[in-house]
Protein backbone atom coordinates (compact mmCIF):
# COMPACT_ATOMS: atom_id res chain seq x y z
CA PRO A 1 0.05 -0.11 0.12
CA PHE A 2 2.51 2.45 0.82
CA TYR A 3 4.06 2.47 -3.46
CA SER A 4 2.66 2.21 -6.72
CA PRO A 5 4.64 -0.38 -8.78
CA GLN A 6 6.44 1.75 -10.32
CA SER A 7 7.50 3.60 -7.43
CA PHE A 8 8.97 0.59 -6.44
CA VAL A 9 11.05 -0.89 -8.95
CA ALA A 10 12.48 2.55 -9.07
CA HIS A 11 14.56 1.87 -6.37
CA PHE A 12 15.80 -0.72 -8.07
CA SER A 13 16.85 1.80 -11.53
CA GLY A 14 20.37 1.01 -12.21
CA LEU A 15 20.69 -2.53 -10.31
CA ARG A 16 20.68 -5.59 -12.08
CA THR A 17 17.33 -7.03 -10.27
CA LEU A 18 15.60 -10.29 -10.16
CA PHE A 19 12.35 -9.59 -9.57
CA THR A 20 10.37 -13.19 -7.98
CA HIS A 21 6.80 -13.87 -8.42
CA CYS A 22 4.97 -10.71 -9.84
CA VAL A 23 1.91 -11.99 -10.18
CA TRP A 24 0.10 -8.63 -9.98
CA VAL A 25 2.44 -7.37 -12.55
CA ASP A 26 -0.02 -6.06 -15.66
CA ASP A 27 2.48 -4.03 -17.14
CA PHE A 28 6.30 -5.13 -17.79
CA SER A 29 7.31 -1.55 -19.27
CA ILE A 30 7.73 -0.67 -15.67
CA PHE A 31 11.07 -2.82 -15.95
CA ASP A 32 14.48 -1.60 -16.79
CA PRO A 33 14.93 -5.07 -19.71
CA LYS A 34 18.73 -4.24 -20.32
CA LEU A 35 19.21 -4.94 -16.15
CA HIS A 36 15.69 -6.29 -14.60
CA SER A 37 14.66 -10.05 -14.75
CA ILE A 38 11.03 -12.01 -14.06
CA THR A 39 12.06 -14.99 -11.94
CA HIS A 40 8.92 -17.47 -12.39
CA CYS A 41 7.97 -19.80 -9.44
CA ALA A 42 4.78 -21.34 -10.70
CA ARG A 43 3.86 -24.27 -8.92
CA SER A 44 4.62 -21.88 -5.16
CA ASN A 45 3.14 -19.24 -7.35
CA ARG A 46 -0.36 -21.21 -7.16
CA LEU A 47 0.11 -22.68 -3.36
CA LEU A 48 1.11 -19.74 -2.07
CA SER A 49 -1.45 -16.98 -4.52
CA LYS A 50 -3.48 -18.56 -6.42
CA LYS A 51 -2.32 -16.40 -9.21
CA ARG A 52 -0.06 -17.13 -11.98
CA LEU A 53 2.09 -14.97 -13.84
CA SER A 54 0.82 -13.82 -17.56
CA PHE A 55 3.15 -15.31 -19.28
CA LYS A 56 2.30 -14.80 -22.72
CA LYS A 57 2.10 -10.65 -21.30
CA LEU A 58 5.72 -11.43 -19.99
CA LEU A 59 6.81 -13.12 -23.55
CA ALA A 60 5.23 -10.47 -25.34
CA SER A 61 7.31 -7.74 -23.44
CA GLY A 62 10.90 -9.13 -24.53
CA LEU A 63 11.53 -8.56 -20.96
CA ASN A 64 14.21 -11.66 -19.86
CA TYR A 65 12.62 -14.52 -17.25
CA ASN A 66 13.94 -17.36 -15.42
CA ILE A 67 12.28 -19.97 -14.18
CA ALA A 68 13.00 -21.49 -10.71
CA THR A 69 11.22 -23.61 -8.22
CA ASP A 70 11.33 -21.31 -5.31
CA GLY A 71 11.99 -23.10 -1.80
CA LEU A 72 10.53 -25.86 -0.37
CA SER A 73 8.61 -23.42 2.01
CA SER A 74 6.01 -22.57 -0.59
CA ASN A 75 6.55 -25.72 -2.70
CA PHE A 76 6.45 -29.96 -2.38
CA SER A 77 9.83 -30.76 -4.46
CA LEU A 78 12.78 -29.08 -5.94
CA SER A 79 12.41 -31.11 -9.12
CA PHE A 80 13.62 -28.52 -12.03
CA LEU A 81 11.96 -30.55 -14.61
CA ASP A 82 8.92 -31.37 -12.55
CA GLU A 83 8.40 -27.21 -12.12
CA LEU A 84 9.02 -27.08 -15.56
CA ARG A 85 5.61 -29.91 -16.37
CA ALA A 86 3.93 -28.08 -14.22
CA ASN A 87 4.65 -24.53 -16.59
CA LEU A 88 3.47 -27.05 -19.63
CA MET A 89 0.41 -27.37 -17.74
CA MET A 90 -0.43 -24.48 -15.61
CA HIS A 91 0.02 -21.69 -18.92
CA ASP A 92 -2.80 -23.24 -21.38
CA GLU A 93 -2.65 -19.58 -23.11
CA LEU A 94 0.51 -20.96 -25.51
CA GLY A 95 0.03 -23.68 -27.61
CA LEU A 96 2.98 -25.95 -25.90
CA ALA A 97 5.23 -26.32 -28.64
CA GLU A 98 5.83 -22.94 -28.09
CA LEU A 99 5.58 -22.34 -23.96
CA ALA A 100 8.37 -25.25 -24.28
CA GLN A 101 10.81 -23.66 -26.12
CA ALA A 102 9.49 -20.35 -23.68
CA LEU A 103 10.43 -22.54 -20.87
CA LEU A 104 13.48 -24.19 -21.79
CA LEU A 105 15.21 -20.76 -22.51
CA GLY A 106 13.86 -19.26 -18.83
CA ALA A 107 16.06 -22.53 -17.34
CA THR A 108 19.17 -22.05 -19.97
CA ARG A 109 20.09 -18.91 -21.51
CA ASN A 110 17.94 -15.93 -19.94
CA ALA A 111 18.21 -17.61 -16.12
CA ALA A 112 22.30 -17.31 -17.08
CA ALA A 113 21.99 -13.40 -18.60
CA ALA A 114 19.73 -12.70 -15.49
CA LEU A 115 22.51 -14.19 -12.99
CA GLY A 116 25.32 -11.75 -15.48
CA LEU A 117 27.18 -16.14 -15.95
CA ASN A 118 28.97 -17.26 -19.01
CA LEU A 119 26.76 -20.02 -19.68
CA GLY A 120 23.21 -21.23 -20.51
CA GLU A 121 24.43 -22.28 -24.36
CA LEU A 122 25.93 -23.79 -26.03
CA LYS A 123 28.39 -21.69 -28.00
CA LYS A 124 32.30 -20.90 -28.38
CA GLY A 125 33.75 -19.17 -25.13
CA LYS A 126 30.33 -20.20 -22.90
CA LEU A 127 31.32 -22.60 -20.20
CA ALA A 128 30.13 -25.82 -20.68
CA ASP A 129 27.89 -26.80 -18.45
CA ILE A 130 25.39 -29.61 -20.26
CA ALA A 131 22.91 -32.39 -18.92
CA VAL A 132 22.51 -35.36 -21.26
CA PHE A 133 19.14 -36.77 -21.06
CA GLU A 134 18.17 -40.31 -22.81
CA GLY A 135 17.43 -39.81 -26.97
CA ILE A 136 13.54 -38.90 -27.51
CA GLU A 137 12.53 -39.28 -31.36
CA CYS A 138 10.29 -36.65 -32.53
CA GLU A 139 10.16 -34.09 -34.79
CA GLN A 140 12.64 -31.59 -34.51
CA SER A 141 9.16 -28.91 -33.85
CA GLN A 142 8.32 -31.28 -31.32
CA LEU A 143 11.91 -31.55 -29.10
CA ALA A 144 11.72 -28.98 -26.67
CA LEU A 145 7.74 -30.63 -25.64
CA GLN A 146 9.18 -34.04 -25.19
CA LEU A 147 12.43 -33.20 -23.34
CA ILE A 148 10.64 -31.81 -20.67
CA LEU A 149 7.29 -34.14 -20.75
CA GLN A 150 9.76 -37.77 -21.57
CA SER A 151 13.25 -36.77 -19.33
CA LYS A 152 13.46 -38.26 -15.89
CA ASN A 153 16.92 -38.33 -14.72
CA ALA A 154 20.14 -37.42 -16.60
CA LYS A 155 22.23 -39.58 -18.37
CA SER A 156 25.30 -37.73 -17.51
CA LEU A 157 26.32 -34.26 -16.38
CA PHE A 158 29.43 -31.83 -17.12
CA ILE A 159 29.96 -28.93 -15.40
CA GLU A 160 32.39 -26.24 -16.89
CA GLY A 161 32.67 -29.38 -19.47
CA MET A 162 34.40 -31.78 -16.89
CA LYS A 163 32.13 -34.78 -16.72
CA CYS A 164 30.69 -35.05 -13.38
CA ASN A 165 30.36 -38.41 -11.32
CA PHE A 166 27.23 -38.56 -9.86
């Protein structure tokens, strides 16, 4: 009650900031697209506020976003794959293939950008953090969706290009 959304966000002017949840935001233009990101925790939002982020509006805004699980105090699991699957079920305003691609970007490249890390995509000069899952046969347009739906446990994990034993 003490702030308007604009006056609250103004406190973070010039600062790299991750704004978490934002289920009450109607206008994403109040954020600085060069420094601000939205951290989306769909299951936590559902359990805490019964409200969900307008993912379609967020995507249309061009603002960076990332996907997270929040903590066990507001979620029943920290499984990132389960969080991605839950997002598929909650955001019916987008087609499944389009949503799945946006979710994977929010889990990888966008998350790295939000944190200022040099990773999140397979590209020369980036840190090679890679999770390898069992192969999935499908059309290219369905790959992101099937990866989210079918992946259970990583077969291999590489951190900074080094294979991890787990």
